[in-house]
Amino acid sequence: MQTMAETATETITIAAPPDKVWEIATDIERYPVWTHDVKDVVVVSRDDEGRPSEVEFRTSALGRSTHYTLAYDYSQAPGTLAWSMVKGDIQRSIDGAFIFEPLDDGSTHVQYDLAIELVVPLPGFVKRRAERRILNAIKELKSFAEA
């Protein structure tokens, strides 16, 4: 039986200029400072501009610790920061992106797109709870950028 990836999108307006929001989003080593569920980050490799291109994460998910490695795509910078999973322990795939749109008042509209497929199917209520925790990262980004 093939399981489908769970997808979610969240949008928010951050009262900070796009360059500041981009700087926070691409400073991946500092995610544990402002993202509650990210426990540890190890940059495995960097691109020729010194940006993290492959990153190992340890996060808390569903009451346990999970490990996965993401590859980052800066090809649409600074409008989009995208990523896809290289390997994971309980995930079959993770694809996502932050999309940054400057607003006339100097703030930033941010869209957070995420698709995750787990190795083991989860009951719907557990998936929804996990999705809310994951999408909370955009609220944490807002709080950190506006602080």
Protein backbone atom coordinates (compact mmCIF):
# COMPACT_ATOMS: atom_id res chain seq x y z
CA MET A 1 0.00 0.00 0.00
CA GLN A 2 1.43 3.36 -1.05
CA THR A 3 0.96 6.18 1.48
CA MET A 4 0.46 9.73 0.31
CA ALA A 5 2.51 12.63 1.58
CA GLU A 6 0.69 14.89 4.03
CA THR A 7 0.81 18.48 2.87
CA ALA A 8 0.22 21.70 4.78
CA THR A 9 0.56 25.40 4.11
CA GLU A 10 0.63 28.26 6.59
CA THR A 11 0.98 31.98 5.91
CA ILE A 12 1.85 34.84 8.22
CA THR A 13 2.93 38.47 8.06
CA ILE A 14 6.13 39.30 9.93
CA ALA A 15 6.77 42.90 10.98
CA ALA A 16 10.38 42.78 9.79
CA PRO A 17 12.00 43.46 6.41
CA PRO A 18 12.46 40.48 4.03
CA ASP A 19 16.28 40.61 4.25
CA LYS A 20 16.14 40.16 8.05
CA VAL A 21 13.62 37.30 7.78
CA TRP A 22 15.75 35.67 5.04
CA GLU A 23 18.87 36.00 7.21
CA ILE A 24 17.15 34.21 10.12
CA ALA A 25 15.68 31.48 7.89
CA THR A 26 19.04 30.74 6.25
CA ASP A 27 21.00 30.78 9.54
CA ILE A 28 20.10 27.13 9.95
CA GLU A 29 22.68 26.44 12.67
CA ARG A 30 20.74 28.81 14.94
CA TYR A 31 17.35 27.04 14.50
CA PRO A 32 17.61 25.44 17.98
CA VAL A 33 17.72 29.00 19.44
CA TRP A 34 14.26 29.95 18.17
CA THR A 35 12.53 26.73 17.05
CA HIS A 36 11.26 24.74 20.03
CA ASP A 37 11.24 21.29 18.39
CA VAL A 38 14.70 21.52 16.77
CA LYS A 39 17.16 20.06 19.28
CA ASP A 40 20.37 19.81 17.25
CA VAL A 41 21.67 20.91 13.84
CA VAL A 42 24.83 19.74 12.09
CA VAL A 43 25.85 21.31 8.77
CA VAL A 44 27.20 18.44 6.66
CA SER A 45 28.16 20.55 3.64
CA ARG A 46 28.02 24.10 2.31
CA ASP A 47 27.60 25.56 -1.16
CA ASP A 48 30.22 27.75 -2.83
CA GLU A 49 28.70 30.83 -1.12
CA GLY A 50 29.15 29.23 2.32
CA ARG A 51 25.45 28.56 2.86
CA PRO A 52 24.37 25.25 4.44
CA SER A 53 23.50 22.89 1.58
CA GLU A 54 23.07 19.62 3.50
CA VAL A 55 22.01 19.67 7.14
CA GLU A 56 21.37 16.92 9.72
CA PHE A 57 18.58 17.64 12.19
CA ARG A 58 17.55 16.07 15.47
CA THR A 59 14.04 17.15 16.43
CA SER A 60 11.34 16.06 18.81
CA ALA A 61 8.32 14.61 17.05
CA LEU A 62 5.43 12.54 18.33
CA GLY A 63 7.01 12.18 21.76
CA ARG A 64 10.35 10.89 20.51
CA SER A 65 13.56 12.10 18.96
CA THR A 66 13.82 11.86 15.17
CA HIS A 67 16.75 12.36 12.82
CA TYR A 68 16.72 13.50 9.21
CA THR A 69 18.99 15.22 6.69
CA LEU A 70 17.75 17.97 4.40
CA ALA A 71 19.28 19.37 1.21
CA TYR A 72 18.67 23.11 0.76
CA ASP A 73 17.95 24.81 -2.56
CA TYR A 74 18.85 28.51 -2.88
CA SER A 75 18.14 28.74 -6.64
CA GLN A 76 15.20 31.12 -6.07
CA ALA A 77 16.90 33.20 -3.35
CA PRO A 78 15.98 35.50 -1.71
CA GLY A 79 12.33 34.88 -2.57
CA THR A 80 12.27 31.17 -1.70
CA LEU A 81 14.25 28.85 0.55
CA ALA A 82 13.37 25.27 -0.40
CA TRP A 83 14.47 21.90 0.95
CA SER A 84 14.04 18.18 0.41
CA MET A 85 14.98 15.17 2.49
CA VAL A 86 18.15 13.22 1.77
CA LYS A 87 17.51 10.62 4.49
CA GLY A 88 15.38 10.18 7.59
CA ASP A 89 14.55 7.62 10.25
CA ILE A 90 10.73 7.79 10.40
CA GLN A 91 10.21 9.89 7.27
CA ARG A 92 9.99 8.60 3.71
CA SER A 93 10.15 12.15 2.34
CA ILE A 94 10.13 15.80 3.45
CA ASP A 95 9.75 18.63 0.95
CA GLY A 96 9.21 22.22 1.95
CA ALA A 97 9.78 25.88 1.33
CA PHE A 98 9.61 29.29 2.91
CA ILE A 99 8.36 31.83 0.35
CA PHE A 100 9.11 35.47 1.24
CA GLU A 101 7.16 38.36 -0.25
CA PRO A 102 8.04 41.98 0.62
CA LEU A 103 5.06 44.16 1.54
CA ASP A 104 4.73 47.91 0.94
CA ASP A 105 4.88 48.70 4.66
CA GLY A 106 8.34 47.08 5.01
CA SER A 107 7.02 43.85 6.53
CA THR A 108 7.25 40.37 5.00
CA HIS A 109 4.51 37.96 3.96
CA VAL A 110 5.80 34.41 4.54
CA GLN A 111 4.28 31.21 3.20
CA TYR A 112 5.45 27.92 4.69
CA ASP A 113 4.74 24.87 2.49
CA LEU A 114 5.46 21.40 3.78
CA ALA A 115 4.90 17.84 2.55
CA ILE A 116 5.92 14.91 4.74
CA GLU A 117 5.51 11.22 4.13
CA LEU A 118 6.20 8.96 7.09
CA VAL A 119 7.43 5.37 6.89
CA VAL A 120 4.54 4.19 9.12
CA PRO A 121 1.02 5.57 8.60
CA LEU A 122 -0.37 7.50 11.58
CA PRO A 123 -3.95 7.97 12.73
CA GLY A 124 -5.50 11.22 11.48
CA PHE A 125 -5.66 12.94 14.88
CA VAL A 126 -1.96 12.22 15.52
CA LYS A 127 -1.05 13.56 12.05
CA ARG A 128 -3.04 16.76 12.67
CA ARG A 129 -1.37 17.29 16.06
CA ALA A 130 2.08 16.74 14.51
CA GLU A 131 1.22 19.08 11.63
CA ARG A 132 0.25 21.86 14.06
CA ARG A 133 3.57 21.43 15.91
CA ILE A 134 5.53 21.60 12.65
CA LEU A 135 3.62 24.61 11.30
CA ASN A 136 4.23 26.36 14.62
CA ALA A 137 7.77 27.00 13.30
CA ILE A 138 6.42 29.90 11.21
CA LYS A 139 4.99 31.52 14.37
CA GLU A 140 8.34 31.01 16.09
CA LEU A 141 10.08 32.62 13.10
CA LYS A 142 7.71 35.61 13.43
CA SER A 143 8.37 35.97 17.18
CA PHE A 144 12.13 35.77 16.71
CA ALA A 145 12.23 38.19 13.76
CA GLU A 146 10.04 40.74 15.53
CA ALA A 147 11.92 40.56 18.86
